[in-house]
Amino acid sequence: MRRSSKLAVAFLLSLASCKVLLVFCASGDFDSAVTFGTKRSNYTQCYSSTVKANIFSLVPITRIVTFTPKMQVRFIAVASKTHGKLSARIVQGGVNMVSLRPISLALTSDYGGRLHAEVNAYCG
């Protein structure tokens, strides 16, 4: 093997080991819940789903969740069921929309690992 190839392999292995250390040694104190809107006691739960990627990855995992509400969505809560950091963003629709359009959320496990999250929407 040429010297440049050996250096490239060593570099990639060092990057992979750093990523593994980041995934396994990162603090469990991450905020693993994302909310959209404001929750009130008179809202009722109108959608619930669990998203689980049955793989372990050294790179972030992204999944899209789409649902069509029958009532106006006022609040959405996304919570991680693992200790990894989770990010979520609305890519279609949204909360407090007048028309009842599909809502799509992109869920990402920021530091790799596993993606296992719960999505709850509240209507009112």
PDB file of N, CA and C in Angstrom:
ATOM      1  N   MET A   1       0.853  -1.173   0.000  1.00  0.00           N
ATOM      2  CA  MET A   1       0.000   0.000   0.000  1.00  0.00           C
ATOM      3  C   MET A   1       0.901   1.238   0.000  1.00  0.00           C
ATOM      4  N   ARG A   2       0.547   2.222  -0.770  1.00  0.00           N
ATOM      5  CA  ARG A   2       1.337   3.446  -0.822  1.00  0.00           C
ATOM      6  C   ARG A   2       1.201   4.219   0.475  1.00  0.00           C
ATOM      7  N   ARG A   3       2.166   5.079   0.723  1.00  0.00           N
ATOM      8  CA  ARG A   3       2.186   5.853   1.963  1.00  0.00           C
ATOM      9  C   ARG A   3       0.970   6.769   2.067  1.00  0.00           C
ATOM     10  N   SER A   4       0.560   7.405   0.964  1.00  0.00           N
ATOM     11  CA  SER A   4      -0.600   8.312   1.004  1.00  0.00           C
ATOM     12  C   SER A   4      -1.881   7.546   1.328  1.00  0.00           C
ATOM     13  N   SER A   5      -1.989   6.323   0.837  1.00  0.00           N
ATOM     14  CA  SER A   5      -3.160   5.499   1.145  1.00  0.00           C
ATOM     15  C   SER A   5      -3.185   5.129   2.623  1.00  0.00           C
ATOM     16  N   LYS A   6      -2.018   4.803   3.170  1.00  0.00           N
ATOM     17  CA  LYS A   6      -1.936   4.466   4.594  1.00  0.00           C
ATOM     18  C   LYS A   6      -2.302   5.666   5.457  1.00  0.00           C
ATOM     19  N   LEU A   7      -1.843   6.846   5.061  1.00  0.00           N
ATOM     20  CA  LEU A   7      -2.187   8.054   5.809  1.00  0.00           C
ATOM     21  C   LEU A   7      -3.682   8.340   5.738  1.00  0.00           C
ATOM     22  N   ALA A   8      -4.265   8.133   4.574  1.00  0.00           N
ATOM     23  CA  ALA A   8      -5.704   8.369   4.421  1.00  0.00           C
ATOM     24  C   ALA A   8      -6.504   7.406   5.296  1.00  0.00           C
ATOM     25  N   VAL A   9      -6.102   6.148   5.317  1.00  0.00           N
ATOM     26  CA  VAL A   9      -6.793   5.156   6.143  1.00  0.00           C
ATOM     27  C   VAL A   9      -6.642   5.504   7.622  1.00  0.00           C
ATOM     28  N   ALA A  10      -5.443   5.891   8.039  1.00  0.00           N
ATOM     29  CA  ALA A  10      -5.217   6.264   9.435  1.00  0.00           C
ATOM     30  C   ALA A  10      -6.054   7.479   9.817  1.00  0.00           C
ATOM     31  N   PHE A  11      -6.145   8.435   8.916  1.00  0.00           N
ATOM     32  CA  PHE A  11      -6.946   9.632   9.174  1.00  0.00           C
ATOM     33  C   PHE A  11      -8.424   9.281   9.326  1.00  0.00           C
ATOM     34  N   LEU A  12      -8.947   8.450   8.433  1.00  0.00           N
ATOM     35  CA  LEU A  12     -10.354   8.051   8.510  1.00  0.00           C
ATOM     36  C   LEU A  12     -10.634   7.257   9.785  1.00  0.00           C
ATOM     37  N   LEU A  13      -9.721   6.381  10.167  1.00  0.00           N
ATOM     38  CA  LEU A  13      -9.909   5.624  11.408  1.00  0.00           C
ATOM     39  C   LEU A  13      -9.893   6.540  12.625  1.00  0.00           C
ATOM     40  N   SER A  14      -9.033   7.553  12.615  1.00  0.00           N
ATOM     41  CA  SER A  14      -9.002   8.479  13.755  1.00  0.00           C
ATOM     42  C   SER A  14     -10.288   9.294  13.817  1.00  0.00           C
ATOM     43  N   LEU A  15     -10.826   9.690  12.661  1.00  0.00           N
ATOM     44  CA  LEU A  15     -12.111  10.401  12.650  1.00  0.00           C
ATOM     45  C   LEU A  15     -13.230   9.518  13.186  1.00  0.00           C
ATOM     46  N   ALA A  16     -13.248   8.262  12.768  1.00  0.00           N
ATOM     47  CA  ALA A  16     -14.291   7.342  13.229  1.00  0.00           C
ATOM     48  C   ALA A  16     -14.184   7.118  14.734  1.00  0.00           C
ATOM     49  N   SER A  17     -12.966   6.977  15.252  1.00  0.00           N
ATOM     50  CA  SER A  17     -12.827   6.759  16.695  1.00  0.00           C
ATOM     51  C   SER A  17     -13.242   7.996  17.476  1.00  0.00           C
ATOM     52  N   CYS A  18     -12.975   9.189  16.952  1.00  0.00           N
ATOM     53  CA  CYS A  18     -13.433  10.420  17.618  1.00  0.00           C
ATOM     54  C   CYS A  18     -14.951  10.470  17.649  1.00  0.00           C
ATOM     55  N   LYS A  19     -15.594  10.060  16.564  1.00  0.00           N
ATOM     56  CA  LYS A  19     -17.056  10.072  16.502  1.00  0.00           C
ATOM     57  C   LYS A  19     -17.627   9.077  17.509  1.00  0.00           C
ATOM     58  N   VAL A  20     -17.017   7.901  17.629  1.00  0.00           N
ATOM     59  CA  VAL A  20     -17.478   6.910  18.601  1.00  0.00           C
ATOM     60  C   VAL A  20     -17.331   7.460  20.013  1.00  0.00           C
ATOM     61  N   LEU A  21     -16.218   8.111  20.306  1.00  0.00           N
ATOM     62  CA  LEU A  21     -16.037   8.704  21.630  1.00  0.00           C
ATOM     63  C   LEU A  21     -17.073   9.777  21.895  1.00  0.00           C
ATOM     64  N   LEU A  22     -17.386  10.572  20.894  1.00  0.00           N
ATOM     65  CA  LEU A  22     -18.388  11.619  21.060  1.00  0.00           C
ATOM     66  C   LEU A  22     -19.754  11.017  21.350  1.00  0.00           C
ATOM     67  N   VAL A  23     -20.111   9.956  20.641  1.00  0.00           N
ATOM     68  CA  VAL A  23     -21.413   9.325  20.841  1.00  0.00           C
ATOM     69  C   VAL A  23     -21.503   8.682  22.220  1.00  0.00           C
ATOM     70  N   PHE A  24     -20.471   7.968  22.633  1.00  0.00           N
ATOM     71  CA  PHE A  24     -20.547   7.211  23.876  1.00  0.00           C
ATOM     72  C   PHE A  24     -20.149   8.002  25.117  1.00  0.00           C
ATOM     73  N   CYS A  25     -19.352   9.037  24.963  1.00  0.00           N
ATOM     74  CA  CYS A  25     -18.863   9.772  26.129  1.00  0.00           C
ATOM     75  C   CYS A  25     -19.537  11.121  26.299  1.00  0.00           C
ATOM     76  N   ALA A  26     -20.430  11.476  25.426  1.00  0.00           N
ATOM     77  CA  ALA A  26     -21.111  12.764  25.542  1.00  0.00           C
ATOM     78  C   ALA A  26     -22.016  12.750  26.770  1.00  0.00           C
ATOM     79  N   SER A  27     -22.176  13.892  27.344  1.00  0.00           N
ATOM     80  CA  SER A  27     -23.009  14.015  28.537  1.00  0.00           C
ATOM     81  C   SER A  27     -24.455  13.666  28.214  1.00  0.00           C
ATOM     82  N   GLY A  28     -25.141  13.056  29.157  1.00  0.00           N
ATOM     83  CA  GLY A  28     -26.548  12.722  28.980  1.00  0.00           C
ATOM     84  C   GLY A  28     -27.468  13.859  29.351  1.00  0.00           C
ATOM     85  N   ASP A  29     -26.917  15.043  29.571  1.00  0.00           N
ATOM     86  CA  ASP A  29     -27.715  16.179  30.009  1.00  0.00           C
ATOM     87  C   ASP A  29     -28.255  17.011  28.856  1.00  0.00           C
ATOM     88  N   PHE A  30     -28.247  16.473  27.663  1.00  0.00           N
ATOM     89  CA  PHE A  30     -28.768  17.206  26.519  1.00  0.00           C
ATOM     90  C   PHE A  30     -30.264  17.404  26.676  1.00  0.00           C
ATOM     91  N   ASP A  31     -30.748  18.514  26.167  1.00  0.00           N
ATOM     92  CA  ASP A  31     -32.190  18.726  26.129  1.00  0.00           C
ATOM     93  C   ASP A  31     -32.719  17.913  24.962  1.00  0.00           C
ATOM     94  N   SER A  32     -33.414  16.833  25.247  1.00  0.00           N
ATOM     95  CA  SER A  32     -33.847  15.932  24.192  1.00  0.00           C
ATOM     96  C   SER A  32     -35.334  16.073  23.897  1.00  0.00           C
ATOM     97  N   ALA A  33     -35.870  17.261  24.115  1.00  0.00           N
ATOM     98  CA  ALA A  33     -37.270  17.532  23.776  1.00  0.00           C
ATOM     99  C   ALA A  33     -37.340  18.840  22.995  1.00  0.00           C
ATOM    100  N   VAL A  34     -38.156  18.834  21.954  1.00  0.00           N
ATOM    101  CA  VAL A  34     -38.351  20.019  21.120  1.00  0.00           C
ATOM    102  C   VAL A  34     -39.843  20.294  21.077  1.00  0.00           C
ATOM    103  N   THR A  35     -40.231  21.552  21.257  1.00  0.00           N
ATOM    104  CA  THR A  35     -41.654  21.904  21.224  1.00  0.00           C
ATOM    105  C   THR A  35     -41.899  23.011  20.211  1.00  0.00           C
ATOM    106  N   PHE A  36     -43.099  23.000  19.664  1.00  0.00           N
ATOM    107  CA  PHE A  36     -43.561  24.040  18.748  1.00  0.00           C
ATOM    108  C   PHE A  36     -44.902  24.526  19.264  1.00  0.00           C
ATOM    109  N   GLY A  37     -45.062  25.829  19.460  1.00  0.00           N
ATOM    110  CA  GLY A  37     -46.310  26.374  19.979  1.00  0.00           C
ATOM    111  C   GLY A  37     -46.299  26.424  21.496  1.00  0.00           C
ATOM    112  N   THR A  38     -47.458  26.750  22.059  1.00  0.00           N
ATOM    113  CA  THR A  38     -47.616  26.853  23.508  1.00  0.00           C
ATOM    114  C   THR A  38     -48.692  25.880  23.961  1.00  0.00           C
ATOM    115  N   LYS A  39     -48.369  25.072  24.972  1.00  0.00           N
ATOM    116  CA  LYS A  39     -49.329  24.078  25.456  1.00  0.00           C
ATOM    117  C   LYS A  39     -50.246  24.700  26.501  1.00  0.00           C
ATOM    118  N   ARG A  40     -51.522  24.394  26.373  1.00  0.00           N
ATOM    119  CA  ARG A  40     -52.514  24.824  27.359  1.00  0.00           C
ATOM    120  C   ARG A  40     -53.281  23.600  27.833  1.00  0.00           C
ATOM    121  N   SER A  41     -53.889  23.722  28.995  1.00  0.00           N
ATOM    122  CA  SER A  41     -54.567  22.576  29.606  1.00  0.00           C
ATOM    123  C   SER A  41     -55.817  22.146  28.844  1.00  0.00           C
ATOM    124  N   ASN A  42     -56.422  23.052  28.073  1.00  0.00           N
ATOM    125  CA  ASN A  42     -57.653  22.692  27.362  1.00  0.00           C
ATOM    126  C   ASN A  42     -57.390  22.030  26.009  1.00  0.00           C
ATOM    127  N   TYR A  43     -56.143  21.877  25.597  1.00  0.00           N
ATOM    128  CA  TYR A  43     -55.833  21.199  24.336  1.00  0.00           C
ATOM    129  C   TYR A  43     -55.935  19.688  24.529  1.00  0.00           C
ATOM    130  N   THR A  44     -56.390  19.005  23.490  1.00  0.00           N
ATOM    131  CA  THR A  44     -56.478  17.545  23.536  1.00  0.00           C
ATOM    132  C   THR A  44     -55.469  16.946  22.566  1.00  0.00           C
ATOM    133  N   GLN A  45     -54.961  15.788  22.923  1.00  0.00           N
ATOM    134  CA  GLN A  45     -53.997  15.122  22.054  1.00  0.00           C
ATOM    135  C   GLN A  45     -54.723  14.591  20.828  1.00  0.00           C
ATOM    136  N   CYS A  46     -54.263  15.004  19.646  1.00  0.00           N
ATOM    137  CA  CYS A  46     -54.935  14.581  18.417  1.00  0.00           C
ATOM    138  C   CYS A  46     -54.036  13.742  17.509  1.00  0.00           C
ATOM    139  N   TYR A  47     -52.771  13.578  17.871  1.00  0.00           N
ATOM    140  CA  TYR A  47     -51.877  12.728  17.084  1.00  0.00           C
ATOM    141  C   TYR A  47     -50.733  12.268  17.977  1.00  0.00           C
ATOM    142  N   SER A  48     -50.345  11.022  17.822  1.00  0.00           N
ATOM    143  CA  SER A  48     -49.206  10.480  18.547  1.00  0.00           C
ATOM    144  C   SER A  48     -48.529   9.426  17.679  1.00  0.00           C
ATOM    145  N   SER A  49     -47.212   9.452  17.674  1.00  0.00           N
ATOM    146  CA  SER A  49     -46.470   8.483  16.880  1.00  0.00           C
ATOM    147  C   SER A  49     -45.091   8.273  17.489  1.00  0.00           C
ATOM    148  N   THR A  50     -44.561   7.086  17.300  1.00  0.00           N
ATOM    149  CA  THR A  50     -43.200   6.775  17.719  1.00  0.00           C
ATOM    150  C   THR A  50     -42.376   6.489  16.476  1.00  0.00           C
ATOM    151  N   VAL A  51     -41.198   7.086  16.424  1.00  0.00           N
ATOM    152  CA  VAL A  51     -40.291   6.896  15.292  1.00  0.00           C
ATOM    153  C   VAL A  51     -39.057   6.181  15.812  1.00  0.00           C
ATOM    154  N   LYS A  52     -38.698   5.080  15.150  1.00  0.00           N
ATOM    155  CA  LYS A  52     -37.532   4.319  15.596  1.00  0.00           C
ATOM    156  C   LYS A  52     -36.752   3.848  14.378  1.00  0.00           C
ATOM    157  N   ALA A  53     -35.487   4.234  14.331  1.00  0.00           N
ATOM    158  CA  ALA A  53     -34.588   3.728  13.295  1.00  0.00           C
ATOM    159  C   ALA A  53     -33.823   2.568  13.917  1.00  0.00           C
ATOM    160  N   ASN A  54     -33.998   1.387  13.387  1.00  0.00           N
ATOM    161  CA  ASN A  54     -33.411   0.184  13.982  1.00  0.00           C
ATOM    162  C   ASN A  54     -31.964  -0.035  13.559  1.00  0.00           C
ATOM    163  N   ILE A  55     -31.195   1.047  13.536  1.00  0.00           N
ATOM    164  CA  ILE A  55     -29.787   0.948  13.188  1.00  0.00           C
ATOM    165  C   ILE A  55     -28.991   1.823  14.143  1.00  0.00           C
ATOM    166  N   PHE A  56     -27.710   1.538  14.254  1.00  0.00           N
ATOM    167  CA  PHE A  56     -26.790   2.408  14.984  1.00  0.00           C
ATOM    168  C   PHE A  56     -25.895   3.048  13.944  1.00  0.00           C
ATOM    169  N   SER A  57     -25.691   4.344  14.048  1.00  0.00           N
ATOM    170  CA  SER A  57     -24.933   5.052  13.031  1.00  0.00           C
ATOM    171  C   SER A  57     -23.933   6.003  13.674  1.00  0.00           C
ATOM    172  N   LEU A  58     -22.806   6.185  13.008  1.00  0.00           N
ATOM    173  CA  LEU A  58     -21.824   7.164  13.453  1.00  0.00           C
ATOM    174  C   LEU A  58     -22.127   8.546  12.901  1.00  0.00           C
ATOM    175  N   VAL A  59     -23.053   8.631  11.987  1.00  0.00           N
ATOM    176  CA  VAL A  59     -23.468   9.916  11.412  1.00  0.00           C
ATOM    177  C   VAL A  59     -24.926  10.158  11.793  1.00  0.00           C
ATOM    178  N   PRO A  60     -25.387  11.395  11.741  1.00  0.00           N
ATOM    179  CA  PRO A  60     -26.786  11.682  12.108  1.00  0.00           C
ATOM    180  C   PRO A  60     -27.793  10.892  11.266  1.00  0.00           C
ATOM    181  N   ILE A  61     -28.891  10.511  11.908  1.00  0.00           N
ATOM    182  CA  ILE A  61     -29.988   9.797  11.249  1.00  0.00           C
ATOM    183  C   ILE A  61     -31.172  10.753  11.181  1.00  0.00           C
ATOM    184  N   THR A  62     -31.803  10.857  10.014  1.00  0.00           N
ATOM    185  CA  THR A  62     -32.965  11.736   9.851  1.00  0.00           C
ATOM    186  C   THR A  62     -34.150  10.927   9.351  1.00  0.00           C
ATOM    187  N   ARG A  63     -35.301  11.171   9.936  1.00  0.00           N
ATOM    188  CA  ARG A  63     -36.555  10.564   9.495  1.00  0.00           C
ATOM    189  C   ARG A  63     -37.606  11.668   9.406  1.00  0.00           C
ATOM    190  N   ILE A  64     -38.526  11.522   8.464  1.00  0.00           N
ATOM    191  CA  ILE A  64     -39.616  12.481   8.277  1.00  0.00           C
ATOM    192  C   ILE A  64     -40.907  11.851   8.790  1.00  0.00           C
ATOM    193  N   VAL A  65     -41.653  12.606   9.591  1.00  0.00           N
ATOM    194  CA  VAL A  65     -42.966  12.179  10.088  1.00  0.00           C
ATOM    195  C   VAL A  65     -43.996  13.127   9.488  1.00  0.00           C
ATOM    196  N   THR A  66     -45.015  12.581   8.826  1.00  0.00           N
ATOM    197  CA  THR A  66     -46.069  13.398   8.219  1.00  0.00           C
ATOM    198  C   THR A  66     -47.421  12.911   8.707  1.00  0.00           C
ATOM    199  N   PHE A  67     -48.277  13.858   9.077  1.00  0.00           N
ATOM    200  CA  PHE A  67     -49.642  13.518   9.463  1.00  0.00           C
ATOM    201  C   PHE A  67     -50.566  14.642   9.026  1.00  0.00           C
ATOM    202  N   THR A  68     -51.842  14.297   8.826  1.00  0.00           N
ATOM    203  CA  THR A  68     -52.858  15.283   8.453  1.00  0.00           C
ATOM    204  C   THR A  68     -53.842  15.401   9.607  1.00  0.00           C
ATOM    205  N   PRO A  69     -53.869  16.546  10.271  1.00  0.00           N
ATOM    206  CA  PRO A  69     -54.766  16.705  11.423  1.00  0.00           C
ATOM    207  C   PRO A  69     -56.215  16.906  10.986  1.00  0.00           C
ATOM    208  N   LYS A  70     -57.138  16.529  11.854  1.00  0.00           N
ATOM    209  CA  LYS A  70     -58.564  16.755  11.594  1.00  0.00           C
ATOM    210  C   LYS A  70     -59.051  18.020  12.281  1.00  0.00           C
ATOM    211  N   MET A  71     -58.210  18.553  13.180  1.00  0.00           N
ATOM    212  CA  MET A  71     -58.503  19.808  13.876  1.00  0.00           C
ATOM    213  C   MET A  71     -57.257  20.685  13.787  1.00  0.00           C
ATOM    214  N   GLN A  72     -57.383  21.927  14.215  1.00  0.00           N
ATOM    215  CA  GLN A  72     -56.257  22.850  14.173  1.00  0.00           C
ATOM    216  C   GLN A  72     -55.222  22.483  15.241  1.00  0.00           C
ATOM    217  N   VAL A  73     -53.995  22.218  14.808  1.00  0.00           N
ATOM    218  CA  VAL A  73     -52.919  21.851  15.726  1.00  0.00           C
ATOM    219  C   VAL A  73     -52.379  23.116  16.390  1.00  0.00           C
ATOM    220  N   ARG A  74     -52.301  23.078  17.722  1.00  0.00           N
ATOM    221  CA  ARG A  74     -51.837  24.236  18.494  1.00  0.00           C
ATOM    222  C   ARG A  74     -50.465  24.024  19.122  1.00  0.00           C
ATOM    223  N   PHE A  75     -50.089  22.754  19.337  1.00  0.00           N
ATOM    224  CA  PHE A  75     -48.847  22.470  20.048  1.00  0.00           C
ATOM    225  C   PHE A  75     -48.315  21.117  19.592  1.00  0.00           C
ATOM    226  N   ILE A  76     -47.007  21.041  19.345  1.00  0.00           N
ATOM    227  CA  ILE A  76     -46.355  19.787  18.976  1.00  0.00           C
ATOM    228  C   ILE A  76     -45.162  19.588  19.902  1.00  0.00           C
ATOM    229  N   ALA A  77     -45.055  18.394  20.475  1.00  0.00           N
ATOM    230  CA  ALA A  77     -43.922  18.037  21.335  1.00  0.00           C
ATOM    231  C   ALA A  77     -43.220  16.820  20.742  1.00  0.00           C
ATOM    232  N   VAL A  78     -41.910  16.917  20.607  1.00  0.00           N
ATOM    233  CA  VAL A  78     -41.088  15.815  20.120  1.00  0.00           C
ATOM    234  C   VAL A  78     -40.079  15.504  21.217  1.00  0.00           C
ATOM    235  N   ALA A  79     -40.072  14.266  21.694  1.00  0.00           N
ATOM    236  CA  ALA A  79     -39.175  13.881  22.789  1.00  0.00           C
ATOM    237  C   ALA A  79     -38.367  12.654  22.394  1.00  0.00           C
ATOM    238  N   SER A  80     -37.090  12.688  22.733  1.00  0.00           N
ATOM    239  CA  SER A  80     -36.214  11.554  22.475  1.00  0.00           C
ATOM    240  C   SER A  80     -36.462  10.482  23.526  1.00  0.00           C
ATOM    241  N   LYS A  81     -36.465   9.222  23.097  1.00  0.00           N
ATOM    242  CA  LYS A  81     -36.614   8.109  24.031  1.00  0.00           C
ATOM    243  C   LYS A  81     -35.258   7.481  24.344  1.00  0.00           C
ATOM    244  N   THR A  82     -34.196   8.078  23.809  1.00  0.00           N
ATOM    245  CA  THR A  82     -32.834   7.654  24.131  1.00  0.00           C
ATOM    246  C   THR A  82     -32.129   8.837  24.784  1.00  0.00           C
ATOM    247  N   HIS A  83     -30.858   8.656  25.106  1.00  0.00           N
ATOM    248  CA  HIS A  83     -30.116   9.727  25.768  1.00  0.00           C
ATOM    249  C   HIS A  83     -29.405  10.640  24.781  1.00  0.00           C
ATOM    250  N   GLY A  84     -29.554  10.390  23.488  1.00  0.00           N
ATOM    251  CA  GLY A  84     -28.882  11.216  22.494  1.00  0.00           C
ATOM    252  C   GLY A  84     -29.596  12.527  22.244  1.00  0.00           C
ATOM    253  N   LYS A  85     -28.872  13.480  21.675  1.00  0.00           N
ATOM    254  CA  LYS A  85     -29.453  14.781  21.358  1.00  0.00           C
ATOM    255  C   LYS A  85     -30.314  14.643  20.114  1.00  0.00           C
ATOM    256  N   LEU A  86     -31.489  15.234  20.179  1.00  0.00           N
ATOM    257  CA  LEU A  86     -32.468  15.168  19.099  1.00  0.00           C
ATOM    258  C   LEU A  86     -32.777  16.580  18.634  1.00  0.00           C
ATOM    259  N   SER A  87     -32.865  16.759  17.329  1.00  0.00           N
ATOM    260  CA  SER A  87     -33.350  18.036  16.807  1.00  0.00           C
ATOM    261  C   SER A  87     -34.549  17.745  15.919  1.00  0.00           C
ATOM    262  N   ALA A  88     -35.454  18.701  15.865  1.00  0.00           N
ATOM    263  CA  ALA A  88     -36.663  18.554  15.052  1.00  0.00           C
ATOM    264  C   ALA A  88     -36.985  19.898  14.426  1.00  0.00           C
ATOM    265  N   ARG A  89     -37.491  19.852  13.210  1.00  0.00           N
ATOM    266  CA  ARG A  89     -37.940  21.083  12.559  1.00  0.00           C
ATOM    267  C   ARG A  89     -39.154  20.772  11.703  1.00  0.00           C
ATOM    268  N   ILE A  90     -39.999  21.765  11.570  1.00  0.00           N
ATOM    269  CA  ILE A  90     -41.185  21.622  10.730  1.00  0.00           C
ATOM    270  C   ILE A  90     -40.776  21.942   9.299  1.00  0.00           C
ATOM    271  N   VAL A  91     -41.034  21.013   8.392  1.00  0.00           N
ATOM    272  CA  VAL A  91     -40.674  21.232   6.992  1.00  0.00           C
ATOM    273  C   VAL A  91     -41.899  21.488   6.118  1.00  0.00           C
ATOM    274  N   GLN A  92     -43.078  21.216   6.635  1.00  0.00           N
ATOM    275  CA  GLN A  92     -44.321  21.492   5.914  1.00  0.00           C
ATOM    276  C   GLN A  92     -45.419  21.719   6.935  1.00  0.00           C
ATOM    277  N   GLY A  93     -46.293  22.699   6.660  1.00  0.00           N
ATOM    278  CA  GLY A  93     -47.390  22.990   7.576  1.00  0.00           C
ATOM    279  C   GLY A  93     -46.882  23.712   8.803  1.00  0.00           C
ATOM    280  N   GLY A  94     -47.583  23.565   9.922  1.00  0.00           N
ATOM    281  CA  GLY A  94     -47.158  24.208  11.156  1.00  0.00           C
ATOM    282  C   GLY A  94     -48.269  24.260  12.177  1.00  0.00           C
ATOM    283  N   VAL A  95     -47.964  24.883  13.313  1.00  0.00           N
ATOM    284  CA  VAL A  95     -48.960  25.037  14.367  1.00  0.00           C
ATOM    285  C   VAL A  95     -49.738  26.324  14.133  1.00  0.00           C
ATOM    286  N   ASN A  96     -50.979  26.345  14.637  1.00  0.00           N
ATOM    287  CA  ASN A  96     -51.886  27.499  14.530  1.00  0.00           C
ATOM    288  C   ASN A  96     -52.203  27.892  13.091  1.00  0.00           C
ATOM    289  N   MET A  97     -52.171  26.936  12.178  1.00  0.00           N
ATOM    290  CA  MET A  97     -52.513  27.224  10.778  1.00  0.00           C
ATOM    291  C   MET A  97     -54.029  27.169  10.631  1.00  0.00           C
ATOM    292  N   VAL A  98     -54.576  28.064   9.822  1.00  0.00           N
ATOM    293  CA  VAL A  98     -56.022  28.124   9.636  1.00  0.00           C
ATOM    294  C   VAL A  98     -56.509  26.926   8.828  1.00  0.00           C
ATOM    295  N   SER A  99     -55.819  26.602   7.742  1.00  0.00           N
ATOM    296  CA  SER A  99     -56.249  25.466   6.921  1.00  0.00           C
ATOM    297  C   SER A  99     -55.659  24.175   7.483  1.00  0.00           C
ATOM    298  N   LEU A 100     -56.382  23.091   7.313  1.00  0.00           N
ATOM    299  CA  LEU A 100     -55.932  21.791   7.811  1.00  0.00           C
ATOM    300  C   LEU A 100     -55.097  21.117   6.731  1.00  0.00           C
ATOM    301  N   ARG A 101     -53.823  21.406   6.742  1.00  0.00           N
ATOM    302  CA  ARG A 101     -52.885  20.849   5.776  1.00  0.00           C
ATOM    303  C   ARG A 101     -52.010  19.817   6.458  1.00  0.00           C
ATOM    304  N   PRO A 102     -51.395  18.931   5.672  1.00  0.00           N
ATOM    305  CA  PRO A 102     -50.462  17.975   6.278  1.00  0.00           C
ATOM    306  C   PRO A 102     -49.306  18.701   6.973  1.00  0.00           C
ATOM    307  N   ILE A 103     -48.835  18.117   8.053  1.00  0.00           N
ATOM    308  CA  ILE A 103     -47.696  18.649   8.796  1.00  0.00           C
ATOM    309  C   ILE A 103     -46.582  17.614   8.712  1.00  0.00           C
ATOM    310  N   SER A 104     -45.402  18.068   8.303  1.00  0.00           N
ATOM    311  CA  SER A 104     -44.234  17.186   8.223  1.00  0.00           C
ATOM    312  C   SER A 104     -43.148  17.698   9.151  1.00  0.00           C
ATOM    313  N   LEU A 105     -42.587  16.783   9.921  1.00  0.00           N
ATOM    314  CA  LEU A 105     -41.496  17.096  10.842  1.00  0.00           C
ATOM    315  C   LEU A 105     -40.272  16.284  10.447  1.00  0.00           C
ATOM    316  N   ALA A 106     -39.108  16.916  10.436  1.00  0.00           N
ATOM    317  CA  ALA A 106     -37.843  16.218  10.207  1.00  0.00           C
ATOM    318  C   ALA A 106     -37.176  16.016  11.561  1.00  0.00           C
ATOM    319  N   LEU A 107     -36.960  14.763  11.936  1.00  0.00           N
ATOM    320  CA  LEU A 107     -36.324  14.417  13.212  1.00  0.00           C
ATOM    321  C   LEU A 107     -34.913  13.921  12.925  1.00  0.00           C
ATOM    322  N   THR A 108     -33.936  14.417  13.681  1.00  0.00           N
ATOM    323  CA  THR A 108     -32.538  14.048  13.458  1.00  0.00           C
ATOM    324  C   THR A 108     -31.851  13.741  14.778  1.00  0.00           C
ATOM    325  N   SER A 109     -31.123  12.626  14.809  1.00  0.00           N
ATOM    326  CA  SER A 109     -30.244  12.335  15.951  1.00  0.00           C
ATOM    327  C   SER A 109     -28.932  13.053  15.655  1.00  0.00           C
ATOM    328  N   ASP A 110     -28.663  14.135  16.365  1.00  0.00           N
ATOM    329  CA  ASP A 110     -27.581  15.044  15.998  1.00  0.00           C
ATOM    330  C   ASP A 110     -26.188  14.429  16.002  1.00  0.00           C
ATOM    331  N   TYR A 111     -25.892  13.545  16.930  1.00  0.00           N
ATOM    332  CA  TYR A 111     -24.545  12.992  17.027  1.00  0.00           C
ATOM    333  C   TYR A 111     -24.484  11.531  16.611  1.00  0.00           C
ATOM    334  N   GLY A 112     -25.401  11.109  15.779  1.00  0.00           N
ATOM    335  CA  GLY A 112     -25.416   9.714  15.387  1.00  0.00           C
ATOM    336  C   GLY A 112     -26.051   8.872  16.479  1.00  0.00           C
ATOM    337  N   GLY A 113     -25.629   7.647  16.579  1.00  0.00           N
ATOM    338  CA  GLY A 113     -26.226   6.754  17.571  1.00  0.00           C
ATOM    339  C   GLY A 113     -27.505   6.153  17.032  1.00  0.00           C
ATOM    340  N   ARG A 114     -28.557   6.202  17.825  1.00  0.00           N
ATOM    341  CA  ARG A 114     -29.866   5.671  17.427  1.00  0.00           C
ATOM    342  C   ARG A 114     -30.893   6.787  17.448  1.00  0.00           C
ATOM    343  N   LEU A 115     -31.895   6.666  16.602  1.00  0.00           N
ATOM    344  CA  LEU A 115     -33.009   7.613  16.594  1.00  0.00           C
ATOM    345  C   LEU A 115     -34.242   6.877  17.093  1.00  0.00           C
ATOM    346  N   HIS A 116     -34.756   7.321  18.224  1.00  0.00           N
ATOM    347  CA  HIS A 116     -35.977   6.757  18.793  1.00  0.00           C
ATOM    348  C   HIS A 116     -36.689   7.914  19.475  1.00  0.00           C
ATOM    349  N   ALA A 117     -37.788   8.371  18.886  1.00  0.00           N
ATOM    350  CA  ALA A 117     -38.461   9.568  19.390  1.00  0.00           C
ATOM    351  C   ALA A 117     -39.970   9.391  19.370  1.00  0.00           C
ATOM    352  N   GLU A 118     -40.627  10.218  20.164  1.00  0.00           N
ATOM    353  CA  GLU A 118     -42.088  10.228  20.230  1.00  0.00           C
ATOM    354  C   GLU A 118     -42.581  11.609  19.819  1.00  0.00           C
ATOM    355  N   VAL A 119     -43.582  11.628  18.940  1.00  0.00           N
ATOM    356  CA  VAL A 119     -44.179  12.879  18.459  1.00  0.00           C
ATOM    357  C   VAL A 119     -45.615  12.936  18.957  1.00  0.00           C
ATOM    358  N   ASN A 120     -45.975  14.025  19.629  1.00  0.00           N
ATOM    359  CA  ASN A 120     -47.342  14.236  20.105  1.00  0.00           C
ATOM    360  C   ASN A 120     -47.820  15.598  19.632  1.00  0.00           C
ATOM    361  N   ALA A 121     -49.016  15.633  19.050  1.00  0.00           N
ATOM    362  CA  ALA A 121     -49.619  16.894  18.615  1.00  0.00           C
ATOM    363  C   ALA A 121     -50.897  17.110  19.413  1.00  0.00           C
ATOM    364  N   TYR A 122     -51.135  18.357  19.775  1.00  0.00           N
ATOM    365  CA  TYR A 122     -52.306  18.722  20.571  1.00  0.00           C
ATOM    366  C   TYR A 122     -53.138  19.734  19.795  1.00  0.00           C
ATOM    367  N   CYS A 123     -54.446  19.506  19.772  1.00  0.00           N
ATOM    368  CA  CYS A 123     -55.370  20.358  19.027  1.00  0.00           C
ATOM    369  C   CYS A 123     -56.296  21.085  19.989  1.00  0.00           C
ATOM    370  N   GLY A 124     -56.839  22.189  19.518  1.00  0.00           N
ATOM    371  CA  GLY A 124     -57.765  22.923  20.362  1.00  0.00           C
ATOM    372  C   GLY A 124     -58.488  24.000  19.598  1.00  0.00           C
TER     373      GLY A 124
END
